[in-house]
Amino acid sequence: MAEAKQQQPQTALAASGAWKTVKPFVNGGASGMLATCVIQPIDMVKVKIQLGEGSATAVTRKMLADGGVGSFYRGLSAGLLRQATYTTARLGSFRVLTNKAVEANDGKPLPLVQKALIGLTAGAIGACFGSPADLALIRMQADSTLPAAQRRNYKNAFHGIYRIIADEGVLALWKGAGPTVARAMSLNMGMLASYDQSVELLRDKLGAGEISTMLGASAVSGFFASACSLPFDYVKTQVQKMQPDATGKYPYTGSLDCAMKTLKSGGPFKFYTGFPVYCVRIAPHVMMTWIFLSQIQKAEKRVGL
């Protein structure tokens, strides 16, 4: 009996230690998935603008006419799967790496450059895990822009991944992974580093309240995430949705070729096609992610987790 009583606290301690390890990853993934449910319609419009279907108003009207409200949620399963992999990995690894760096810095706040480097690292880690779901998401969103004969007609994210493996091989799941990783690194550098820096400025130096700090830091984080990542997002979208012509030749040989041809044909501002919609989509998603994360953490504290 005495041994059993001793084992119970040890088991609870072990469980607590395990939860402490996975907690940043679970919280990050949950907050990202909740934010995606809110932002998915804007993301659909953004992708179609990048694919050349017209302005935000024209795209919205066409989507409503062709498929109704449900068309705005096409690819939601892939979006949720992407958040469950990508955001779980990036937010979890960012918090773990940041905590380790703060400990090594004797508990002092980290300089912006170090936060940016950690953000780059976390973005790369997240992109490696999330690339397959991201590829399925882009293809599902772009499917309606293709001729009927060329549409892939994925039923959901898991069916899309299965079809990609069956038709193109396992490594095809990471097609366009180069621009995906580059985009994720740039986005997370802007998003994560600017958020922590803004929190320190608003809360510690300007004395802003909790809600003002969260909203202000989230807005700054969303803007920098958008500005840093859109050129990479544009190239990534073009590479992932490309189809071979009648001779089997693809329009681009890779990400660099796509970037150079885009620069030559449209100039540097071509990479910022759809920036207002992209910013409207990215910034609220970033804000929602931080807000949901904050609420999840509060709820955990209330129940003692």
Protein backbone atom coordinates (compact mmCIF):
# COMPACT_ATOMS: atom_id res chain seq x y z
CA MET A 1 0.00 0.00 0.00
CA ALA A 2 2.79 2.38 0.93
CA GLU A 3 4.56 1.66 -2.36
CA ALA A 4 1.32 2.26 -4.27
CA LYS A 5 0.90 5.64 -2.56
CA GLN A 6 4.46 6.59 -3.47
CA GLN A 7 3.94 5.59 -7.09
CA GLN A 8 0.84 7.80 -7.50
CA PRO A 9 2.66 11.12 -6.97
CA GLN A 10 5.51 9.91 -9.19
CA THR A 11 3.05 8.99 -11.94
CA ALA A 12 1.31 12.36 -11.62
CA LEU A 13 4.68 14.10 -11.73
CA ALA A 14 5.67 12.20 -14.86
CA ALA A 15 2.33 13.05 -16.50
CA SER A 16 2.79 16.69 -15.53
CA GLY A 17 6.27 16.70 -17.06
CA ALA A 18 5.01 15.13 -20.27
CA TRP A 19 2.19 17.68 -20.51
CA LYS A 20 4.63 20.54 -19.95
CA THR A 21 6.67 19.26 -22.90
CA VAL A 22 3.79 18.90 -25.35
CA LYS A 23 1.70 21.83 -24.09
CA PRO A 24 3.20 24.51 -26.41
CA PHE A 25 2.60 22.24 -29.41
CA VAL A 26 -0.98 21.32 -28.46
CA ASN A 27 -1.89 24.93 -27.74
CA GLY A 28 -0.30 26.18 -30.94
CA GLY A 29 -2.08 23.64 -33.13
CA ALA A 30 -5.47 24.22 -31.48
CA SER A 31 -5.26 28.00 -31.81
CA GLY A 32 -4.23 27.75 -35.46
CA MET A 33 -7.09 25.38 -36.33
CA LEU A 34 -9.68 27.61 -34.64
CA ALA A 35 -8.33 30.65 -36.49
CA THR A 36 -8.48 28.78 -39.81
CA CYS A 37 -12.19 28.02 -39.36
CA VAL A 38 -12.80 31.79 -39.17
CA ILE A 39 -10.43 32.88 -41.96
CA GLN A 40 -10.98 30.14 -44.58
CA PRO A 41 -13.37 32.18 -46.81
CA ILE A 42 -10.88 35.06 -47.12
CA ASP A 43 -8.11 32.58 -47.93
CA MET A 44 -10.17 31.14 -50.79
CA VAL A 45 -10.64 34.61 -52.29
CA LYS A 46 -6.92 35.38 -51.89
CA VAL A 47 -5.83 32.26 -53.77
CA LYS A 48 -8.21 32.92 -56.68
CA ILE A 49 -6.97 36.51 -56.99
CA GLN A 50 -3.39 35.22 -57.18
CA LEU A 51 -4.49 32.78 -59.88
CA GLY A 52 -5.77 35.68 -61.99
CA GLU A 53 -9.55 35.39 -61.60
CA GLY A 54 -10.09 39.11 -60.99
CA SER A 55 -10.65 41.48 -58.09
CA ALA A 56 -11.88 40.51 -54.65
CA THR A 57 -15.41 41.68 -55.48
CA ALA A 58 -15.50 39.81 -58.80
CA VAL A 59 -14.14 36.61 -57.26
CA THR A 60 -16.61 36.75 -54.36
CA ARG A 61 -19.58 37.25 -56.69
CA LYS A 62 -18.47 34.43 -58.98
CA MET A 63 -17.96 32.02 -56.09
CA LEU A 64 -21.40 32.78 -54.67
CA ALA A 65 -23.00 32.35 -58.08
CA ASP A 66 -21.19 29.10 -58.91
CA GLY A 67 -21.16 27.25 -55.61
CA GLY A 68 -22.91 29.27 -52.94
CA VAL A 69 -21.53 29.83 -49.44
CA GLY A 70 -20.10 26.30 -49.33
CA SER A 71 -17.58 27.17 -52.06
CA PHE A 72 -15.78 29.46 -49.60
CA TYR A 73 -15.01 26.44 -47.41
CA ARG A 74 -13.64 24.19 -50.14
CA GLY A 75 -10.36 22.80 -48.88
CA LEU A 76 -11.18 23.37 -45.20
CA SER A 77 -10.12 19.82 -44.29
CA ALA A 78 -6.70 20.46 -45.85
CA GLY A 79 -6.48 23.80 -44.06
CA LEU A 80 -7.20 22.18 -40.71
CA LEU A 81 -4.72 19.37 -41.40
CA ARG A 82 -2.13 21.97 -42.33
CA GLN A 83 -2.65 23.82 -39.05
CA ALA A 84 -2.54 20.54 -37.10
CA THR A 85 0.92 19.89 -38.55
CA TYR A 86 2.44 23.25 -39.54
CA THR A 87 1.20 25.51 -36.73
CA THR A 88 1.61 22.82 -34.09
CA ALA A 89 5.26 22.49 -35.07
CA ARG A 90 6.09 26.18 -35.59
CA LEU A 91 4.41 27.70 -32.51
CA GLY A 92 5.48 24.82 -30.30
CA SER A 93 9.10 24.90 -31.43
CA PHE A 94 9.21 28.72 -31.24
CA ARG A 95 8.07 28.72 -27.63
CA VAL A 96 10.42 25.87 -26.66
CA LEU A 97 13.41 27.50 -28.38
CA THR A 98 12.55 30.91 -26.92
CA ASN A 99 12.30 29.52 -23.39
CA LYS A 100 15.67 27.80 -23.77
CA ALA A 101 17.25 31.00 -25.09
CA VAL A 102 15.79 33.09 -22.24
CA GLU A 103 17.18 30.61 -19.70
CA ALA A 104 20.59 30.87 -21.35
CA ASN A 105 20.25 34.67 -21.18
CA ASP A 106 19.70 34.59 -17.39
CA GLY A 107 15.98 35.31 -17.75
CA LYS A 108 16.50 38.60 -19.58
CA PRO A 109 14.42 39.52 -22.69
CA LEU A 110 16.00 38.42 -25.96
CA PRO A 111 17.22 40.95 -28.55
CA LEU A 112 15.08 41.30 -31.70
CA VAL A 113 17.71 39.69 -33.91
CA GLN A 114 17.73 36.53 -31.79
CA LYS A 115 13.93 36.41 -31.82
CA ALA A 116 13.99 36.72 -35.61
CA LEU A 117 16.47 33.84 -35.91
CA ILE A 118 14.30 31.66 -33.67
CA GLY A 119 11.28 32.63 -35.80
CA LEU A 120 13.14 31.59 -38.97
CA THR A 121 14.04 28.25 -37.41
CA ALA A 122 10.51 27.60 -36.17
CA GLY A 123 9.09 28.46 -39.59
CA ALA A 124 11.39 25.99 -41.32
CA ILE A 125 10.50 23.23 -38.87
CA GLY A 126 6.78 23.87 -39.28
CA ALA A 127 6.94 23.98 -43.07
CA CYS A 128 8.68 20.62 -43.28
CA PHE A 129 5.80 19.03 -41.36
CA GLY A 130 3.03 21.01 -43.05
CA SER A 131 4.11 20.91 -46.71
CA PRO A 132 2.02 17.84 -47.74
CA ALA A 133 -1.20 19.31 -46.35
CA ASP A 134 -0.30 22.70 -47.84
CA LEU A 135 0.09 21.14 -51.29
CA ALA A 136 -3.30 19.42 -51.00
CA LEU A 137 -4.89 22.69 -49.84
CA ILE A 138 -3.51 24.74 -52.76
CA ARG A 139 -4.64 22.13 -55.30
CA MET A 140 -8.13 21.89 -53.82
CA GLN A 141 -8.52 25.67 -53.83
CA ALA A 142 -7.19 26.01 -57.40
CA ASP A 143 -9.20 23.10 -58.83
CA SER A 144 -12.18 25.18 -59.88
CA THR A 145 -9.95 27.44 -62.02
CA LEU A 146 -8.85 24.50 -64.20
CA PRO A 147 -10.66 23.05 -67.24
CA ALA A 148 -12.95 20.18 -66.28
CA ALA A 149 -10.62 17.62 -67.89
CA GLN A 150 -7.66 18.77 -65.78
CA ARG A 151 -9.38 18.97 -62.40
CA ARG A 152 -8.09 16.60 -59.74
CA ASN A 153 -11.38 16.46 -57.78
CA TYR A 154 -9.88 15.63 -54.40
CA LYS A 155 -12.68 14.77 -51.96
CA ASN A 156 -10.77 15.97 -48.90
CA ALA A 157 -7.23 16.48 -47.64
CA PHE A 158 -6.56 12.81 -46.91
CA HIS A 159 -7.91 11.75 -50.32
CA GLY A 160 -5.70 14.41 -51.91
CA ILE A 161 -2.57 13.17 -50.14
CA TYR A 162 -3.45 9.57 -51.07
CA ARG A 163 -3.89 10.55 -54.73
CA ILE A 164 -0.64 12.49 -54.81
CA ILE A 165 1.26 9.48 -53.44
CA ALA A 166 -0.48 7.07 -55.81
CA ASP A 167 -0.12 9.23 -58.94
CA GLU A 168 3.18 11.02 -58.37
CA GLY A 169 5.06 9.23 -55.59
CA VAL A 170 5.72 10.01 -51.94
CA LEU A 171 8.31 12.71 -52.64
CA ALA A 172 5.72 14.65 -54.63
CA LEU A 173 4.13 15.59 -51.30
CA TRP A 174 7.01 18.02 -50.92
CA LYS A 175 6.68 19.50 -54.42
CA GLY A 176 7.28 23.20 -54.02
CA ALA A 177 8.67 22.61 -50.53
CA GLY A 178 11.50 25.07 -51.25
CA PRO A 179 9.22 28.12 -51.58
CA THR A 180 6.97 26.72 -48.86
CA VAL A 181 9.88 26.66 -46.41
CA ALA A 182 11.10 30.08 -47.54
CA ARG A 183 7.61 31.54 -47.18
CA ALA A 184 7.17 29.97 -43.74
CA MET A 185 10.55 31.23 -42.55
CA SER A 186 9.82 34.79 -43.70
CA LEU A 187 6.28 34.76 -42.31
CA ASN A 188 7.31 33.42 -38.93
CA MET A 189 10.26 35.76 -38.68
CA GLY A 190 7.83 38.67 -39.14
CA MET A 191 5.01 37.19 -37.07
CA LEU A 192 6.71 35.66 -34.05
CA ALA A 193 9.58 38.08 -33.48
CA SER A 194 7.42 41.19 -33.91
CA TYR A 195 4.73 39.83 -31.57
CA ASP A 196 7.10 39.19 -28.67
CA GLN A 197 8.86 42.51 -29.28
CA SER A 198 5.55 44.40 -29.40
CA VAL A 199 4.34 42.76 -26.19
CA GLU A 200 7.50 43.89 -24.41
CA LEU A 201 7.10 47.43 -25.77
CA LEU A 202 3.37 47.83 -25.10
CA ARG A 203 3.16 46.03 -21.76
CA ASP A 204 6.52 46.65 -20.13
CA LYS A 205 7.50 50.07 -21.49
CA LEU A 206 4.19 51.79 -22.30
CA GLY A 207 2.13 50.16 -19.54
CA ALA A 208 -0.72 49.05 -21.80
CA GLY A 209 -3.42 46.76 -20.41
CA GLU A 210 -3.77 43.07 -21.24
CA ILE A 211 -6.37 43.45 -24.00
CA SER A 212 -4.69 46.48 -25.58
CA THR A 213 -1.34 44.70 -25.54
CA MET A 214 -2.74 41.56 -27.12
CA LEU A 215 -4.65 43.38 -29.88
CA GLY A 216 -1.87 45.84 -30.62
CA ALA A 217 0.88 43.21 -30.72
CA SER A 218 -1.31 40.93 -32.83
CA ALA A 219 -1.96 43.69 -35.37
CA VAL A 220 1.74 44.52 -35.67
CA SER A 221 2.54 40.81 -35.94
CA GLY A 222 -0.02 40.33 -38.71
CA PHE A 223 1.28 43.23 -40.80
CA PHE A 224 4.91 42.14 -40.68
CA ALA A 225 3.96 38.54 -41.37
CA SER A 226 2.10 39.67 -44.51
CA ALA A 227 4.78 42.04 -45.79
CA CYS A 228 7.60 39.55 -45.32
CA SER A 229 5.90 36.50 -46.77
CA LEU A 230 3.72 37.49 -49.75
CA PRO A 231 6.45 37.29 -52.45
CA PHE A 232 7.30 33.76 -51.32
CA ASP A 233 3.62 32.87 -51.06
CA TYR A 234 3.03 34.04 -54.64
CA VAL A 235 5.85 31.88 -56.01
CA LYS A 236 4.78 28.91 -53.89
CA THR A 237 1.21 29.12 -55.18
CA GLN A 238 2.30 29.31 -58.82
CA VAL A 239 4.64 26.31 -58.50
CA GLN A 240 2.22 24.12 -56.58
CA LYS A 241 -0.76 24.63 -58.91
CA MET A 242 1.08 24.39 -62.26
CA GLN A 243 -0.02 21.78 -64.80
CA PRO A 244 2.00 20.32 -67.72
CA ASP A 245 1.02 21.34 -71.25
CA ALA A 246 0.17 18.96 -74.09
CA THR A 247 3.84 18.04 -74.51
CA GLY A 248 4.26 17.30 -70.78
CA LYS A 249 6.33 20.44 -70.15
CA TYR A 250 5.71 22.50 -67.01
CA PRO A 251 5.65 26.34 -67.22
CA TYR A 252 8.39 26.58 -64.57
CA THR A 253 11.35 24.37 -63.84
CA GLY A 254 11.35 25.38 -60.18
CA SER A 255 10.88 28.19 -57.68
CA LEU A 256 13.81 30.29 -58.90
CA ASP A 257 12.67 29.97 -62.52
CA CYS A 258 9.16 31.04 -61.49
CA ALA A 259 10.52 34.03 -59.58
CA MET A 260 12.73 35.17 -62.48
CA LYS A 261 9.97 34.81 -65.10
CA THR A 262 7.53 36.65 -62.85
CA LEU A 263 10.04 39.45 -62.26
CA LYS A 264 10.72 39.72 -66.01
CA SER A 265 7.07 39.74 -67.07
CA GLY A 266 5.50 41.82 -64.31
CA GLY A 267 8.24 43.52 -62.33
CA PRO A 268 8.77 43.37 -58.55
CA PHE A 269 5.24 44.52 -57.72
CA LYS A 270 3.85 41.41 -59.42
CA PHE A 271 4.91 39.48 -56.33
CA TYR A 272 2.53 41.63 -54.29
CA THR A 273 -0.52 40.76 -56.39
CA GLY A 274 -3.50 40.65 -54.06
CA PHE A 275 -1.61 42.25 -51.15
CA PRO A 276 -4.67 43.99 -49.61
CA VAL A 277 -6.63 40.73 -49.55
CA TYR A 278 -3.54 38.78 -48.44
CA CYS A 279 -2.96 41.22 -45.60
CA VAL A 280 -6.65 41.13 -44.67
CA ARG A 281 -6.41 37.34 -44.59
CA ILE A 282 -3.02 36.94 -42.87
CA ALA A 283 -3.36 39.70 -40.28
CA PRO A 284 -6.73 38.51 -38.89
CA HIS A 285 -5.51 34.89 -38.91
CA VAL A 286 -2.43 35.93 -36.95
CA MET A 287 -4.56 37.98 -34.55
CA MET A 288 -7.07 35.15 -34.15
CA THR A 289 -4.27 32.67 -33.52
CA TRP A 290 -2.78 34.82 -30.75
CA ILE A 291 -6.21 35.55 -29.24
CA PHE A 292 -7.26 31.90 -29.27
CA LEU A 293 -3.87 30.92 -27.84
CA SER A 294 -4.27 33.44 -25.02
CA GLN A 295 -7.77 32.17 -24.21
CA ILE A 296 -6.63 28.53 -24.28
CA GLN A 297 -3.81 29.34 -21.87
CA LYS A 298 -6.23 31.16 -19.54
CA ALA A 299 -8.61 28.20 -19.57
CA GLU A 300 -5.75 25.84 -18.75
CA LYS A 301 -4.72 27.97 -15.79
CA ARG A 302 -8.28 27.93 -14.46
CA VAL A 303 -8.37 24.13 -14.47
CA GLY A 304 -4.81 23.79 -13.20
CA LEU A 305 -3.11 22.51 -16.36
